[in-house]
Protein backbone atom coordinates (compact mmCIF):
# COMPACT_ATOMS: atom_id res chain seq x y z
CA MET A 1 -7.74 25.60 17.33
CA SER A 2 -5.17 27.53 18.90
CA GLU A 3 -2.40 29.61 17.18
CA PRO A 4 0.82 27.32 16.66
CA ARG A 5 3.94 28.35 18.98
CA TRP A 6 6.00 29.55 15.81
CA LEU A 7 9.83 29.73 16.60
CA THR A 8 11.57 32.84 17.63
CA ALA A 9 14.36 34.09 15.15
CA GLU A 10 17.03 32.55 18.09
CA GLU A 11 14.89 29.33 18.11
CA ARG A 12 14.82 29.06 14.15
CA SER A 13 18.69 29.75 14.30
CA SER A 14 19.33 26.80 16.72
CA TRP A 15 16.95 24.54 15.20
CA LEU A 16 18.64 25.13 11.80
CA ALA A 17 21.85 24.31 13.39
CA LEU A 18 20.68 21.23 15.06
CA THR A 19 19.11 19.80 11.79
CA GLY A 20 22.22 20.60 9.68
CA LEU A 21 23.99 18.77 12.12
CA LEU A 22 21.56 15.83 12.17
CA THR A 23 21.95 15.84 8.57
CA LYS A 24 25.28 16.43 7.50
CA LEU A 25 27.40 14.66 10.52
CA PRO A 26 26.30 11.07 9.62
CA GLY A 27 27.23 11.34 6.32
CA ALA A 28 30.57 12.60 7.30
CA LEU A 29 31.04 9.83 9.62
CA ASP A 30 29.62 7.12 7.20
CA ALA A 31 32.24 8.52 4.31
CA GLN A 32 35.26 7.98 6.52
CA LEU A 33 34.31 4.56 7.68
CA ALA A 34 33.18 3.28 4.36
CA ARG A 35 36.39 4.57 2.81
CA ASP A 36 38.61 3.18 5.82
CA SER A 37 36.82 0.18 6.66
CA GLY A 38 34.10 -0.49 4.31
CA LEU A 39 31.64 -0.10 7.22
CA SER A 40 28.50 2.50 7.67
CA PHE A 41 28.35 4.17 10.93
CA PHE A 42 25.45 2.32 12.02
CA GLU A 43 27.32 -1.05 11.26
CA TYR A 44 30.19 0.60 13.02
CA MET A 45 28.22 1.25 16.04
CA VAL A 46 26.72 -2.39 16.07
CA LEU A 47 30.03 -3.73 16.31
CA ALA A 48 31.35 -1.40 18.86
CA MET A 49 28.36 -2.10 21.35
CA LEU A 50 29.06 -5.63 20.92
CA ALA A 51 32.85 -5.29 21.56
CA GLU A 52 32.15 -3.23 24.73
CA GLN A 53 29.97 -6.06 26.29
CA PRO A 54 31.89 -8.37 28.79
CA GLU A 55 30.87 -11.43 26.72
CA GLU A 56 30.34 -9.60 23.44
CA THR A 57 26.65 -10.66 23.55
CA LEU A 58 23.63 -8.46 23.77
CA ARG A 59 20.04 -9.47 23.12
CA MET A 60 18.93 -7.59 19.88
CA THR A 61 16.46 -5.36 21.77
CA ALA A 62 19.23 -3.99 24.13
CA LEU A 63 21.53 -3.44 21.23
CA ALA A 64 18.84 -1.60 19.37
CA ASP A 65 18.59 0.73 22.29
CA LEU A 66 22.06 1.13 22.48
CA THR A 67 22.76 2.00 18.67
CA ASN A 68 19.58 4.44 18.81
CA GLY A 69 18.12 2.34 15.99
CA SER A 70 14.76 0.42 15.36
CA LEU A 71 14.62 -3.28 15.90
CA SER A 72 13.91 -3.74 12.23
CA ARG A 73 16.90 -1.80 10.98
CA LEU A 74 19.06 -3.65 13.39
CA SER A 75 17.66 -7.00 12.18
CA HIS A 76 18.77 -5.98 8.61
CA VAL A 77 22.09 -4.51 9.67
CA VAL A 78 22.91 -7.77 11.75
CA GLN A 79 21.88 -9.98 8.87
CA ARG A 80 24.40 -8.35 6.64
CA LEU A 81 27.09 -8.37 9.21
CA GLU A 82 26.24 -11.95 10.00
CA GLY A 83 26.72 -12.96 6.01
CA GLN A 84 30.15 -11.29 6.31
CA GLY A 85 30.86 -13.43 9.39
CA LEU A 86 31.30 -10.37 11.65
CA VAL A 87 28.29 -11.24 14.00
CA ARG A 88 26.18 -14.37 14.73
CA ARG A 89 22.78 -14.68 16.37
CA GLU A 90 21.23 -17.38 18.29
CA THR A 91 18.37 -17.73 20.88
CA CYS A 92 18.64 -16.47 24.19
CA ALA A 93 19.42 -19.35 26.93
CA GLN A 94 17.46 -17.35 29.64
CA ASP A 95 14.36 -16.24 27.36
CA ARG A 96 13.71 -18.60 24.37
CA ARG A 97 11.83 -15.79 22.62
CA ALA A 98 14.62 -13.16 22.55
CA THR A 99 17.64 -13.54 20.19
CA ASN A 100 21.00 -12.54 21.10
CA ALA A 101 23.68 -10.74 18.74
CA ILE A 102 27.22 -11.99 19.35
CA LEU A 103 30.40 -10.45 17.90
CA THR A 104 32.72 -13.09 16.15
CA PRO A 105 36.23 -13.12 16.35
CA ALA A 106 36.24 -11.33 12.91
CA GLY A 107 33.88 -8.65 14.03
CA ARG A 108 36.06 -7.88 16.88
CA GLU A 109 39.30 -7.83 14.41
CA LYS A 110 37.06 -5.41 12.11
CA VAL A 111 35.92 -2.72 14.70
CA GLU A 112 39.32 -2.64 16.35
CA ALA A 113 40.78 -1.92 13.03
CA ALA A 114 37.94 0.67 12.29
CA ALA A 115 38.44 2.08 15.81
CA PRO A 116 41.22 4.45 15.34
CA GLY A 117 40.26 6.28 12.04
CA HIS A 118 36.71 6.47 13.47
CA VAL A 119 37.87 8.39 16.69
CA ALA A 120 40.09 10.72 15.10
CA ARG A 121 37.07 11.68 12.61
CA VAL A 122 34.88 12.18 15.82
CA ARG A 123 37.48 14.29 17.33
CA ALA A 124 38.11 16.46 14.39
CA LEU A 125 34.64 16.90 13.82
CA VAL A 126 33.12 16.99 17.32
CA ILE A 127 35.00 16.69 20.13
CA ASP A 128 37.96 19.29 19.19
CA ALA A 129 35.35 21.79 17.91
CA VAL A 130 34.07 22.69 21.42
CA SER A 131 35.16 23.41 24.68
CA PRO A 132 34.75 20.35 27.52
CA GLN A 133 32.01 22.47 29.14
CA GLU A 134 30.30 22.60 25.93
CA LEU A 135 30.69 19.10 25.22
CA ALA A 136 29.33 18.20 28.52
CA ALA A 137 26.40 20.44 28.03
CA PHE A 138 25.75 18.93 24.45
CA GLY A 139 25.83 15.61 26.16
CA GLN A 140 23.23 16.83 28.59
CA VAL A 141 21.19 18.27 25.96
CA GLY A 142 21.26 15.41 23.76
CA GLU A 143 20.03 12.78 26.39
CA GLN A 144 17.30 15.29 27.28
CA ILE A 145 16.05 15.34 23.64
CA LEU A 146 16.53 11.51 23.46
CA GLY A 147 14.57 10.89 26.64
CA ARG A 148 11.61 13.02 25.07
CA VAL A 149 12.03 11.25 21.57
CA HIS A 150 11.79 7.83 23.58
CA GLU A 151 8.63 9.13 25.52
CA HIS A 152 6.75 10.45 22.40
CA ARG A 153 7.75 7.29 20.10
CA GLY A 154 4.56 6.49 18.19
CA SER A 155 2.71 9.65 18.86
């Protein structure tokens, strides 16, 4: 068995900053959305991703990908949002095995009301904290890491 590739001091420092971000940022976003809109961050993302679609409809599998959530988690959240009248589900006409999530008019109102406060919080915590170049680099790094996570799912 080979010796682990231990982190250097620089790598450890960067890793700890990333894990802090992964741990604390979702809570900060959740707190603002819960206080102002009664939504969790994930619920907001579900509504927002549906609102951005031309027909406000997505297959559940595509919605899971866009929200970076598991299909199981998404199903539970959509069921809760459906109970609140914000989303409805129906069988996909093109593939009877698939289910579509559809934003309702009440869901559109909810996400539109939540968006200004959420965007202000995102700007305050993330966007305005870095330069445009750093933000672009962060986006590229995030995409690379998400790509690896996707490749290594289940291993």
